[in-house]
Amino acid sequence: MKQKTLEFLEAHQSETPSKWREEAEWRRDNSSWLRHSHQIAVKVLLRMKELQLTQKALAERMNCTQQYVSKILKGNENLSLDTMTRLEDALEINLILPIASPFQSSRVEEDIFV
């Protein structure tokens, strides 16, 4: 039985080597920003649904390609501040929470400068 299983697996193995280990290591090494990228993708998808926007329509608003929007929505893009700002403007949402200005509150000023 064991021999038949080995023969079957050898007969059906792929010609190209698998890259699952490299891909798993890459996901592990990049897990911090991937987590944020996934969260942004979900927020963008929800907002697109609210606005009834297609990927193409969002791409037009952002002045980029539909293919790039597709990459963003997969949650695997290491987004630049420029891209996040263009997403925010196109969707009229905040992806990056603003930090209060030290001039708005003396308490914030104490926290920052102490």
PDB file of N, CA and C in Angstrom:
ATOM      1  N   MET A   1       0.818  -1.190   0.000  1.00  0.00           N
ATOM      2  CA  MET A   1       0.000   0.000   0.000  1.00  0.00           C
ATOM      3  C   MET A   1       0.867   1.260   0.000  1.00  0.00           C
ATOM      4  N   LYS A   2       1.892   1.260   0.858  1.00  0.00           N
ATOM      5  CA  LYS A   2       2.789   2.405   0.939  1.00  0.00           C
ATOM      6  C   LYS A   2       3.498   2.626  -0.393  1.00  0.00           C
ATOM      7  N   GLN A   3       3.943   1.560  -1.024  1.00  0.00           N
ATOM      8  CA  GLN A   3       4.646   1.668  -2.295  1.00  0.00           C
ATOM      9  C   GLN A   3       3.729   2.244  -3.373  1.00  0.00           C
ATOM     10  N   LYS A   4       2.474   1.797  -3.411  1.00  0.00           N
ATOM     11  CA  LYS A   4       1.517   2.308  -4.392  1.00  0.00           C
ATOM     12  C   LYS A   4       1.281   3.808  -4.194  1.00  0.00           C
ATOM     13  N   THR A   5       1.213   4.232  -2.955  1.00  0.00           N
ATOM     14  CA  THR A   5       1.004   5.650  -2.654  1.00  0.00           C
ATOM     15  C   THR A   5       2.190   6.466  -3.138  1.00  0.00           C
ATOM     16  N   LEU A   6       3.391   6.003  -2.849  1.00  0.00           N
ATOM     17  CA  LEU A   6       4.599   6.702  -3.305  1.00  0.00           C
ATOM     18  C   LEU A   6       4.664   6.774  -4.836  1.00  0.00           C
ATOM     19  N   GLU A   7       4.335   5.685  -5.503  1.00  0.00           N
ATOM     20  CA  GLU A   7       4.335   5.668  -6.972  1.00  0.00           C
ATOM     21  C   GLU A   7       3.303   6.652  -7.525  1.00  0.00           C
ATOM     22  N   PHE A   8       2.135   6.684  -6.905  1.00  0.00           N
ATOM     23  CA  PHE A   8       1.089   7.605  -7.339  1.00  0.00           C
ATOM     24  C   PHE A   8       1.547   9.057  -7.187  1.00  0.00           C
ATOM     25  N   LEU A   9       2.122   9.377  -6.026  1.00  0.00           N
ATOM     26  CA  LEU A   9       2.588  10.744  -5.776  1.00  0.00           C
ATOM     27  C   LEU A   9       3.701  11.138  -6.736  1.00  0.00           C
ATOM     28  N   GLU A  10       4.639  10.236  -6.988  1.00  0.00           N
ATOM     29  CA  GLU A  10       5.729  10.525  -7.917  1.00  0.00           C
ATOM     30  C   GLU A  10       5.211  10.729  -9.335  1.00  0.00           C
ATOM     31  N   ALA A  11       4.220   9.957  -9.729  1.00  0.00           N
ATOM     32  CA  ALA A  11       3.655  10.079 -11.081  1.00  0.00           C
ATOM     33  C   ALA A  11       2.889  11.382 -11.261  1.00  0.00           C
ATOM     34  N   HIS A  12       2.377  11.939 -10.174  1.00  0.00           N
ATOM     35  CA  HIS A  12       1.534  13.136 -10.265  1.00  0.00           C
ATOM     36  C   HIS A  12       2.181  14.394  -9.693  1.00  0.00           C
ATOM     37  N   GLN A  13       3.455  14.331  -9.415  1.00  0.00           N
ATOM     38  CA  GLN A  13       4.114  15.514  -8.869  1.00  0.00           C
ATOM     39  C   GLN A  13       4.306  16.565  -9.952  1.00  0.00           C
ATOM     40  N   SER A  14       4.352  17.813  -9.532  1.00  0.00           N
ATOM     41  CA  SER A  14       4.493  18.940 -10.447  1.00  0.00           C
ATOM     42  C   SER A  14       5.906  18.992 -11.024  1.00  0.00           C
ATOM     43  N   GLU A  15       5.984  19.475 -12.258  1.00  0.00           N
ATOM     44  CA  GLU A  15       7.296  19.648 -12.901  1.00  0.00           C
ATOM     45  C   GLU A  15       8.070  20.808 -12.271  1.00  0.00           C
ATOM     46  N   THR A  16       7.326  21.818 -11.801  1.00  0.00           N
ATOM     47  CA  THR A  16       7.970  22.988 -11.194  1.00  0.00           C
ATOM     48  C   THR A  16       7.948  22.852  -9.679  1.00  0.00           C
ATOM     49  N   PRO A  17       9.038  23.232  -9.034  1.00  0.00           N
ATOM     50  CA  PRO A  17       9.082  23.099  -7.568  1.00  0.00           C
ATOM     51  C   PRO A  17       8.112  24.074  -6.893  1.00  0.00           C
ATOM     52  N   SER A  18       7.567  23.651  -5.785  1.00  0.00           N
ATOM     53  CA  SER A  18       6.643  24.474  -5.019  1.00  0.00           C
ATOM     54  C   SER A  18       7.398  25.590  -4.292  1.00  0.00           C
ATOM     55  N   LYS A  19       6.748  26.728  -4.161  1.00  0.00           N
ATOM     56  CA  LYS A  19       7.355  27.847  -3.440  1.00  0.00           C
ATOM     57  C   LYS A  19       6.589  28.145  -2.154  1.00  0.00           C
ATOM     58  N   TRP A  20       5.877  27.156  -1.648  1.00  0.00           N
ATOM     59  CA  TRP A  20       5.048  27.398  -0.472  1.00  0.00           C
ATOM     60  C   TRP A  20       5.872  27.838   0.722  1.00  0.00           C
ATOM     61  N   ARG A  21       7.066  27.265   0.888  1.00  0.00           N
ATOM     62  CA  ARG A  21       7.897  27.622   2.036  1.00  0.00           C
ATOM     63  C   ARG A  21       8.356  29.077   1.945  1.00  0.00           C
ATOM     64  N   GLU A  22       8.814  29.490   0.772  1.00  0.00           N
ATOM     65  CA  GLU A  22       9.254  30.872   0.589  1.00  0.00           C
ATOM     66  C   GLU A  22       8.094  31.843   0.808  1.00  0.00           C
ATOM     67  N   GLU A  23       6.913  31.483   0.296  1.00  0.00           N
ATOM     68  CA  GLU A  23       5.744  32.350   0.465  1.00  0.00           C
ATOM     69  C   GLU A  23       5.323  32.432   1.924  1.00  0.00           C
ATOM     70  N   ALA A  24       5.382  31.335   2.637  1.00  0.00           N
ATOM     71  CA  ALA A  24       5.032  31.328   4.064  1.00  0.00           C
ATOM     72  C   ALA A  24       6.037  32.159   4.865  1.00  0.00           C
ATOM     73  N   GLU A  25       7.309  32.042   4.533  1.00  0.00           N
ATOM     74  CA  GLU A  25       8.334  32.831   5.225  1.00  0.00           C
ATOM     75  C   GLU A  25       8.153  34.318   4.931  1.00  0.00           C
ATOM     76  N   TRP A  26       7.813  34.658   3.688  1.00  0.00           N
ATOM     77  CA  TRP A  26       7.590  36.055   3.319  1.00  0.00           C
ATOM     78  C   TRP A  26       6.405  36.625   4.112  1.00  0.00           C
ATOM     79  N   ARG A  27       5.309  35.853   4.209  1.00  0.00           N
ATOM     80  CA  ARG A  27       4.144  36.312   4.986  1.00  0.00           C
ATOM     81  C   ARG A  27       4.512  36.500   6.457  1.00  0.00           C
ATOM     82  N   ARG A  28       5.313  35.584   6.992  1.00  0.00           N
ATOM     83  CA  ARG A  28       5.747  35.699   8.389  1.00  0.00           C
ATOM     84  C   ARG A  28       6.607  36.948   8.588  1.00  0.00           C
ATOM     85  N   ASP A  29       7.547  37.164   7.682  1.00  0.00           N
ATOM     86  CA  ASP A  29       8.465  38.298   7.797  1.00  0.00           C
ATOM     87  C   ASP A  29       7.770  39.646   7.586  1.00  0.00           C
ATOM     88  N   ASN A  30       6.655  39.663   6.897  1.00  0.00           N
ATOM     89  CA  ASN A  30       5.942  40.904   6.585  1.00  0.00           C
ATOM     90  C   ASN A  30       4.585  40.997   7.275  1.00  0.00           C
ATOM     91  N   SER A  31       4.395  40.218   8.308  1.00  0.00           N
ATOM     92  CA  SER A  31       3.071  40.129   8.944  1.00  0.00           C
ATOM     93  C   SER A  31       2.590  41.462   9.514  1.00  0.00           C
ATOM     94  N   SER A  32       3.491  42.308   9.990  1.00  0.00           N
ATOM     95  CA  SER A  32       3.072  43.578  10.590  1.00  0.00           C
ATOM     96  C   SER A  32       2.355  44.463   9.579  1.00  0.00           C
ATOM     97  N   TRP A  33       3.015  44.767   8.464  1.00  0.00           N
ATOM     98  CA  TRP A  33       2.359  45.661   7.503  1.00  0.00           C
ATOM     99  C   TRP A  33       1.249  44.953   6.739  1.00  0.00           C
ATOM    100  N   LEU A  34       1.342  43.630   6.584  1.00  0.00           N
ATOM    101  CA  LEU A  34       0.255  42.894   5.926  1.00  0.00           C
ATOM    102  C   LEU A  34      -1.043  43.003   6.720  1.00  0.00           C
ATOM    103  N   ARG A  35      -0.943  42.957   8.046  1.00  0.00           N
ATOM    104  CA  ARG A  35      -2.131  43.091   8.891  1.00  0.00           C
ATOM    105  C   ARG A  35      -2.817  44.427   8.620  1.00  0.00           C
ATOM    106  N   HIS A  36      -2.022  45.495   8.568  1.00  0.00           N
ATOM    107  CA  HIS A  36      -2.585  46.821   8.290  1.00  0.00           C
ATOM    108  C   HIS A  36      -3.148  46.895   6.874  1.00  0.00           C
ATOM    109  N   SER A  37      -2.449  46.299   5.933  1.00  0.00           N
ATOM    110  CA  SER A  37      -2.905  46.316   4.545  1.00  0.00           C
ATOM    111  C   SER A  37      -4.243  45.606   4.399  1.00  0.00           C
ATOM    112  N   HIS A  38      -4.405  44.488   5.101  1.00  0.00           N
ATOM    113  CA  HIS A  38      -5.680  43.760   5.069  1.00  0.00           C
ATOM    114  C   HIS A  38      -6.802  44.604   5.673  1.00  0.00           C
ATOM    115  N   GLN A  39      -6.525  45.265   6.788  1.00  0.00           N
ATOM    116  CA  GLN A  39      -7.533  46.110   7.432  1.00  0.00           C
ATOM    117  C   GLN A  39      -7.946  47.260   6.516  1.00  0.00           C
ATOM    118  N   ILE A  40      -6.989  47.863   5.843  1.00  0.00           N
ATOM    119  CA  ILE A  40      -7.291  48.948   4.905  1.00  0.00           C
ATOM    120  C   ILE A  40      -8.126  48.413   3.750  1.00  0.00           C
ATOM    121  N   ALA A  41      -7.764  47.252   3.238  1.00  0.00           N
ATOM    122  CA  ALA A  41      -8.515  46.663   2.119  1.00  0.00           C
ATOM    123  C   ALA A  41      -9.976  46.450   2.500  1.00  0.00           C
ATOM    124  N   VAL A  42     -10.224  45.961   3.707  1.00  0.00           N
ATOM    125  CA  VAL A  42     -11.599  45.731   4.157  1.00  0.00           C
ATOM    126  C   VAL A  42     -12.346  47.058   4.256  1.00  0.00           C
ATOM    127  N   LYS A  43     -11.696  48.060   4.832  1.00  0.00           N
ATOM    128  CA  LYS A  43     -12.334  49.370   4.971  1.00  0.00           C
ATOM    129  C   LYS A  43     -12.650  49.969   3.597  1.00  0.00           C
ATOM    130  N   VAL A  44     -11.735  49.838   2.665  1.00  0.00           N
ATOM    131  CA  VAL A  44     -11.949  50.346   1.310  1.00  0.00           C
ATOM    132  C   VAL A  44     -13.094  49.598   0.633  1.00  0.00           C
ATOM    133  N   LEU A  45     -13.108  48.281   0.754  1.00  0.00           N
ATOM    134  CA  LEU A  45     -14.187  47.491   0.153  1.00  0.00           C
ATOM    135  C   LEU A  45     -15.557  47.876   0.712  1.00  0.00           C
ATOM    136  N   LEU A  46     -15.633  48.065   2.020  1.00  0.00           N
ATOM    137  CA  LEU A  46     -16.903  48.450   2.630  1.00  0.00           C
ATOM    138  C   LEU A  46     -17.363  49.820   2.135  1.00  0.00           C
ATOM    139  N   ARG A  47     -16.426  50.745   2.025  1.00  0.00           N
ATOM    140  CA  ARG A  47     -16.771  52.092   1.542  1.00  0.00           C
ATOM    141  C   ARG A  47     -17.165  52.057   0.074  1.00  0.00           C
ATOM    142  N   MET A  48     -16.473  51.245  -0.718  1.00  0.00           N
ATOM    143  CA  MET A  48     -16.837  51.106  -2.130  1.00  0.00           C
ATOM    144  C   MET A  48     -18.264  50.577  -2.254  1.00  0.00           C
ATOM    145  N   LYS A  49     -18.602  49.634  -1.389  1.00  0.00           N
ATOM    146  CA  LYS A  49     -19.958  49.078  -1.415  1.00  0.00           C
ATOM    147  C   LYS A  49     -20.981  50.158  -1.072  1.00  0.00           C
ATOM    148  N   GLU A  50     -20.678  50.964  -0.038  1.00  0.00           N
ATOM    149  CA  GLU A  50     -21.575  52.059   0.343  1.00  0.00           C
ATOM    150  C   GLU A  50     -21.802  53.029  -0.817  1.00  0.00           C
ATOM    151  N   LEU A  51     -20.718  53.355  -1.504  1.00  0.00           N
ATOM    152  CA  LEU A  51     -20.786  54.325  -2.605  1.00  0.00           C
ATOM    153  C   LEU A  51     -21.163  53.686  -3.945  1.00  0.00           C
ATOM    154  N   GLN A  52     -21.306  52.361  -3.946  1.00  0.00           N
ATOM    155  CA  GLN A  52     -21.583  51.593  -5.162  1.00  0.00           C
ATOM    156  C   GLN A  52     -20.542  51.892  -6.253  1.00  0.00           C
ATOM    157  N   LEU A  53     -19.285  51.835  -5.837  1.00  0.00           N
ATOM    158  CA  LEU A  53     -18.170  52.093  -6.755  1.00  0.00           C
ATOM    159  C   LEU A  53     -17.564  50.788  -7.237  1.00  0.00           C
ATOM    160  N   THR A  54     -17.238  50.748  -8.505  1.00  0.00           N
ATOM    161  CA  THR A  54     -16.488  49.624  -9.059  1.00  0.00           C
ATOM    162  C   THR A  54     -14.997  49.908  -8.890  1.00  0.00           C
ATOM    163  N   GLN A  55     -14.190  48.889  -9.113  1.00  0.00           N
ATOM    164  CA  GLN A  55     -12.739  49.087  -9.084  1.00  0.00           C
ATOM    165  C   GLN A  55     -12.330  50.112 -10.136  1.00  0.00           C
ATOM    166  N   LYS A  56     -12.946  50.040 -11.285  1.00  0.00           N
ATOM    167  CA  LYS A  56     -12.622  50.979 -12.366  1.00  0.00           C
ATOM    168  C   LYS A  56     -12.948  52.415 -11.958  1.00  0.00           C
ATOM    169  N   ALA A  57     -14.111  52.612 -11.330  1.00  0.00           N
ATOM    170  CA  ALA A  57     -14.502  53.954 -10.901  1.00  0.00           C
ATOM    171  C   ALA A  57     -13.549  54.483  -9.827  1.00  0.00           C
ATOM    172  N   LEU A  58     -13.160  53.627  -8.891  1.00  0.00           N
ATOM    173  CA  LEU A  58     -12.203  54.046  -7.862  1.00  0.00           C
ATOM    174  C   LEU A  58     -10.864  54.386  -8.498  1.00  0.00           C
ATOM    175  N   ALA A  59     -10.435  53.590  -9.454  1.00  0.00           N
ATOM    176  CA  ALA A  59      -9.166  53.852 -10.146  1.00  0.00           C
ATOM    177  C   ALA A  59      -9.204  55.219 -10.832  1.00  0.00           C
ATOM    178  N   GLU A  60     -10.324  55.551 -11.428  1.00  0.00           N
ATOM    179  CA  GLU A  60     -10.448  56.861 -12.079  1.00  0.00           C
ATOM    180  C   GLU A  60     -10.351  57.982 -11.062  1.00  0.00           C
ATOM    181  N   ARG A  61     -10.992  57.802  -9.916  1.00  0.00           N
ATOM    182  CA  ARG A  61     -10.929  58.818  -8.860  1.00  0.00           C
ATOM    183  C   ARG A  61      -9.516  58.978  -8.307  1.00  0.00           C
ATOM    184  N   MET A  62      -8.769  57.868  -8.291  1.00  0.00           N
ATOM    185  CA  MET A  62      -7.409  57.889  -7.741  1.00  0.00           C
ATOM    186  C   MET A  62      -6.355  58.214  -8.798  1.00  0.00           C
ATOM    187  N   ASN A  63      -6.767  58.234 -10.048  1.00  0.00           N
ATOM    188  CA  ASN A  63      -5.843  58.440 -11.164  1.00  0.00           C
ATOM    189  C   ASN A  63      -4.776  57.342 -11.208  1.00  0.00           C
ATOM    190  N   CYS A  64      -5.254  56.110 -11.167  1.00  0.00           N
ATOM    191  CA  CYS A  64      -4.370  54.948 -11.278  1.00  0.00           C
ATOM    192  C   CYS A  64      -5.095  53.891 -12.109  1.00  0.00           C
ATOM    193  N   THR A  65      -4.513  52.722 -12.219  1.00  0.00           N
ATOM    194  CA  THR A  65      -5.129  51.666 -13.017  1.00  0.00           C
ATOM    195  C   THR A  65      -6.060  50.803 -12.160  1.00  0.00           C
ATOM    196  N   GLN A  66      -6.987  50.158 -12.831  1.00  0.00           N
ATOM    197  CA  GLN A  66      -7.889  49.230 -12.147  1.00  0.00           C
ATOM    198  C   GLN A  66      -7.085  48.064 -11.576  1.00  0.00           C
ATOM    199  N   GLN A  67      -6.018  47.671 -12.266  1.00  0.00           N
ATOM    200  CA  GLN A  67      -5.179  46.577 -11.792  1.00  0.00           C
ATOM    201  C   GLN A  67      -4.528  46.917 -10.448  1.00  0.00           C
ATOM    202  N   TYR A  68      -4.120  48.185 -10.291  1.00  0.00           N
ATOM    203  CA  TYR A  68      -3.511  48.584  -9.023  1.00  0.00           C
ATOM    204  C   TYR A  68      -4.555  48.583  -7.906  1.00  0.00           C
ATOM    205  N   VAL A  69      -5.770  49.039  -8.204  1.00  0.00           N
ATOM    206  CA  VAL A  69      -6.847  48.989  -7.210  1.00  0.00           C
ATOM    207  C   VAL A  69      -7.091  47.538  -6.802  1.00  0.00           C
ATOM    208  N   SER A  70      -7.081  46.638  -7.766  1.00  0.00           N
ATOM    209  CA  SER A  70      -7.269  45.217  -7.475  1.00  0.00           C
ATOM    210  C   SER A  70      -6.196  44.712  -6.510  1.00  0.00           C
ATOM    211  N   LYS A  71      -4.952  45.106  -6.723  1.00  0.00           N
ATOM    212  CA  LYS A  71      -3.862  44.711  -5.819  1.00  0.00           C
ATOM    213  C   LYS A  71      -4.102  45.241  -4.407  1.00  0.00           C
ATOM    214  N   ILE A  72      -4.554  46.495  -4.312  1.00  0.00           N
ATOM    215  CA  ILE A  72      -4.828  47.096  -3.010  1.00  0.00           C
ATOM    216  C   ILE A  72      -5.907  46.295  -2.288  1.00  0.00           C
ATOM    217  N   LEU A  73      -6.955  45.927  -3.025  1.00  0.00           N
ATOM    218  CA  LEU A  73      -8.099  45.239  -2.426  1.00  0.00           C
ATOM    219  C   LEU A  73      -7.786  43.810  -2.016  1.00  0.00           C
ATOM    220  N   LYS A  74      -6.700  43.257  -2.506  1.00  0.00           N
ATOM    221  CA  LYS A  74      -6.275  41.924  -2.069  1.00  0.00           C
ATOM    222  C   LYS A  74      -5.606  41.981  -0.702  1.00  0.00           C
ATOM    223  N   GLY A  75      -5.205  43.195  -0.280  1.00  0.00           N
ATOM    224  CA  GLY A  75      -4.619  43.358   1.043  1.00  0.00           C
ATOM    225  C   GLY A  75      -3.174  42.936   1.142  1.00  0.00           C
ATOM    226  N   ASN A  76      -2.484  42.875   0.013  1.00  0.00           N
ATOM    227  CA  ASN A  76      -1.083  42.448   0.029  1.00  0.00           C
ATOM    228  C   ASN A  76      -0.130  43.530  -0.471  1.00  0.00           C
ATOM    229  N   GLU A  77      -0.609  44.769  -0.546  1.00  0.00           N
ATOM    230  CA  GLU A  77       0.226  45.869  -1.020  1.00  0.00           C
ATOM    231  C   GLU A  77       0.765  46.662   0.158  1.00  0.00           C
ATOM    232  N   ASN A  78       2.051  46.958   0.119  1.00  0.00           N
ATOM    233  CA  ASN A  78       2.671  47.817   1.116  1.00  0.00           C
ATOM    234  C   ASN A  78       2.417  49.249   0.654  1.00  0.00           C
ATOM    235  N   LEU A  79       1.318  49.833   1.135  1.00  0.00           N
ATOM    236  CA  LEU A  79       0.832  51.107   0.629  1.00  0.00           C
ATOM    237  C   LEU A  79       1.679  52.279   1.103  1.00  0.00           C
ATOM    238  N   SER A  80       1.931  53.200   0.187  1.00  0.00           N
ATOM    239  CA  SER A  80       2.648  54.425   0.539  1.00  0.00           C
ATOM    240  C   SER A  80       1.657  55.417   1.142  1.00  0.00           C
ATOM    241  N   LEU A  81       2.183  56.437   1.793  1.00  0.00           N
ATOM    242  CA  LEU A  81       1.312  57.491   2.319  1.00  0.00           C
ATOM    243  C   LEU A  81       0.566  58.182   1.186  1.00  0.00           C
ATOM    244  N   ASP A  82       1.219  58.339   0.053  1.00  0.00           N
ATOM    245  CA  ASP A  82       0.570  58.951  -1.105  1.00  0.00           C
ATOM    246  C   ASP A  82      -0.645  58.131  -1.536  1.00  0.00           C
ATOM    247  N   THR A  83      -0.485  56.836  -1.632  1.00  0.00           N
ATOM    248  CA  THR A  83      -1.595  55.971  -2.038  1.00  0.00           C
ATOM    249  C   THR A  83      -2.719  56.013  -1.013  1.00  0.00           C
ATOM    250  N   MET A  84      -2.378  55.967   0.269  1.00  0.00           N
ATOM    251  CA  MET A  84      -3.415  56.016   1.296  1.00  0.00           C
ATOM    252  C   MET A  84      -4.163  57.349   1.257  1.00  0.00           C
ATOM    253  N   THR A  85      -3.448  58.429   1.005  1.00  0.00           N
ATOM    254  CA  THR A  85      -4.088  59.737   0.902  1.00  0.00           C
ATOM    255  C   THR A  85      -5.013  59.789  -0.302  1.00  0.00           C
ATOM    256  N   ARG A  86      -4.576  59.227  -1.426  1.00  0.00           N
ATOM    257  CA  ARG A  86      -5.440  59.207  -2.616  1.00  0.00           C
ATOM    258  C   ARG A  86      -6.684  58.352  -2.367  1.00  0.00           C
ATOM    259  N   LEU A  87      -6.534  57.248  -1.636  1.00  0.00           N
ATOM    260  CA  LEU A  87      -7.694  56.432  -1.259  1.00  0.00           C
ATOM    261  C   LEU A  87      -8.649  57.234  -0.381  1.00  0.00           C
ATOM    262  N   GLU A  88      -8.090  57.911   0.608  1.00  0.00           N
ATOM    263  CA  GLU A  88      -8.919  58.724   1.504  1.00  0.00           C
ATOM    264  C   GLU A  88      -9.695  59.780   0.729  1.00  0.00           C
ATOM    265  N   ASP A  89      -9.022  60.485  -0.163  1.00  0.00           N
ATOM    266  CA  ASP A  89      -9.670  61.533  -0.946  1.00  0.00           C
ATOM    267  C   ASP A  89     -10.739  60.966  -1.866  1.00  0.00           C
ATOM    268  N   ALA A  90     -10.433  59.857  -2.511  1.00  0.00           N
ATOM    269  CA  ALA A  90     -11.368  59.248  -3.465  1.00  0.00           C
ATOM    270  C   ALA A  90     -12.614  58.711  -2.782  1.00  0.00           C
ATOM    271  N   LEU A  91     -12.449  58.213  -1.549  1.00  0.00           N
ATOM    272  CA  LEU A  91     -13.563  57.573  -0.842  1.00  0.00           C
ATOM    273  C   LEU A  91     -14.156  58.447   0.261  1.00  0.00           C
ATOM    274  N   GLU A  92     -13.517  59.590   0.503  1.00  0.00           N
ATOM    275  CA  GLU A  92     -13.956  60.512   1.553  1.00  0.00           C
ATOM    276  C   GLU A  92     -14.044  59.810   2.908  1.00  0.00           C
ATOM    277  N   ILE A  93     -12.958  59.127   3.249  1.00  0.00           N
ATOM    278  CA  ILE A  93     -12.841  58.443   4.539  1.00  0.00           C
ATOM    279  C   ILE A  93     -11.460  58.708   5.117  1.00  0.00           C
ATOM    280  N   ASN A  94     -11.275  58.361   6.385  1.00  0.00           N
ATOM    281  CA  ASN A  94      -9.962  58.433   7.023  1.00  0.00           C
ATOM    282  C   ASN A  94      -9.413  57.027   7.180  1.00  0.00           C
ATOM    283  N   LEU A  95      -8.262  56.797   6.624  1.00  0.00           N
ATOM    284  CA  LEU A  95      -7.559  55.534   6.818  1.00  0.00           C
ATOM    285  C   LEU A  95      -6.485  55.680   7.879  1.00  0.00           C
ATOM    286  N   ILE A  96      -5.972  56.891   7.993  1.00  0.00           N
ATOM    287  CA  ILE A  96      -4.941  57.197   8.971  1.00  0.00           C
ATOM    288  C   ILE A  96      -5.572  58.126   9.992  1.00  0.00           C
ATOM    289  N   LEU A  97      -5.593  57.702  11.235  1.00  0.00           N
ATOM    290  CA  LEU A  97      -6.194  58.545  12.255  1.00  0.00           C
ATOM    291  C   LEU A  97      -5.286  59.739  12.536  1.00  0.00           C
ATOM    292  N   PRO A  98      -5.852  60.937  12.480  1.00  0.00           N
ATOM    293  CA  PRO A  98      -5.026  62.128  12.740  1.00  0.00           C
ATOM    294  C   PRO A  98      -4.630  62.193  14.214  1.00  0.00           C
ATOM    295  N   ILE A  99      -3.449  62.687  14.455  1.00  0.00           N
ATOM    296  CA  ILE A  99      -2.973  62.906  15.816  1.00  0.00           C
ATOM    297  C   ILE A  99      -3.329  64.334  16.182  1.00  0.00           C
ATOM    298  N   ALA A 100      -3.858  64.531  17.366  1.00  0.00           N
ATOM    299  CA  ALA A 100      -4.246  65.872  17.786  1.00  0.00           C
ATOM    300  C   ALA A 100      -3.036  66.793  17.791  1.00  0.00           C
ATOM    301  N   SER A 101      -3.244  68.009  17.357  1.00  0.00           N
ATOM    302  CA  SER A 101      -2.191  69.008  17.349  1.00  0.00           C
ATOM    303  C   SER A 101      -1.836  69.391  18.778  1.00  0.00           C
ATOM    304  N   PRO A 102      -0.559  69.611  19.065  1.00  0.00           N
ATOM    305  CA  PRO A 102      -0.184  70.014  20.425  1.00  0.00           C
ATOM    306  C   PRO A 102      -0.786  71.369  20.793  1.00  0.00           C
ATOM    307  N   PHE A 103      -1.238  72.116  19.808  1.00  0.00           N
ATOM    308  CA  PHE A 103      -1.826  73.423  20.072  1.00  0.00           C
ATOM    309  C   PHE A 103      -3.313  73.328  20.397  1.00  0.00           C
ATOM    310  N   GLN A 104      -3.912  72.138  20.205  1.00  0.00           N
ATOM    311  CA  GLN A 104      -5.337  71.965  20.471  1.00  0.00           C
ATOM    312  C   GLN A 104      -5.609  71.699  21.949  1.00  0.00           C
ATOM    313  N   SER A 105      -4.677  71.111  22.642  1.00  0.00           N
ATOM    314  CA  SER A 105      -4.913  70.726  24.027  1.00  0.00           C
ATOM    315  C   SER A 105      -3.615  70.777  24.799  1.00  0.00           C
ATOM    316  N   SER A 106      -3.653  71.381  25.959  1.00  0.00           N
ATOM    317  CA  SER A 106      -2.436  71.428  26.773  1.00  0.00           C
ATOM    318  C   SER A 106      -2.065  70.039  27.265  1.00  0.00           C
ATOM    319  N   ARG A 107      -3.069  69.137  27.446  1.00  0.00           N
ATOM    320  CA  ARG A 107      -2.808  67.780  27.895  1.00  0.00           C
ATOM    321  C   ARG A 107      -1.983  67.030  26.852  1.00  0.00           C
ATOM    322  N   VAL A 108      -2.355  67.187  25.583  1.00  0.00           N
ATOM    323  CA  VAL A 108      -1.600  66.546  24.501  1.00  0.00           C
ATOM    324  C   VAL A 108      -0.195  67.084  24.476  1.00  0.00           C
ATOM    325  N   GLU A 109      -0.052  68.412  24.679  1.00  0.00           N
ATOM    326  CA  GLU A 109       1.268  69.026  24.670  1.00  0.00           C
ATOM    327  C   GLU A 109       2.138  68.436  25.779  1.00  0.00           C
ATOM    328  N   GLU A 110       1.549  68.221  26.938  1.00  0.00           N
ATOM    329  CA  GLU A 110       2.296  67.620  28.044  1.00  0.00           C
ATOM    330  C   GLU A 110       2.753  66.213  27.700  1.00  0.00           C
ATOM    331  N   ASP A 111       1.861  65.429  27.052  1.00  0.00           N
ATOM    332  CA  ASP A 111       2.186  64.054  26.688  1.00  0.00           C
ATOM    333  C   ASP A 111       3.327  64.003  25.683  1.00  0.00           C
ATOM    334  N   ILE A 112       3.322  64.933  24.743  1.00  0.00           N
ATOM    335  CA  ILE A 112       4.318  64.911  23.670  1.00  0.00           C
ATOM    336  C   ILE A 112       5.675  65.395  24.146  1.00  0.00           C
ATOM    337  N   PHE A 113       5.686  66.443  24.932  1.00  0.00           N
ATOM    338  CA  PHE A 113       6.940  67.106  25.249  1.00  0.00           C
ATOM    339  C   PHE A 113       7.530  66.759  26.607  1.00  0.00           C
ATOM    340  N   VAL A 114       6.930  65.834  27.311  1.00  0.00           N
ATOM    341  CA  VAL A 114       7.468  65.467  28.629  1.00  0.00           C
ATOM    342  C   VAL A 114       8.403  64.298  28.509  1.00  0.00           C
TER     343      VAL A 114
END
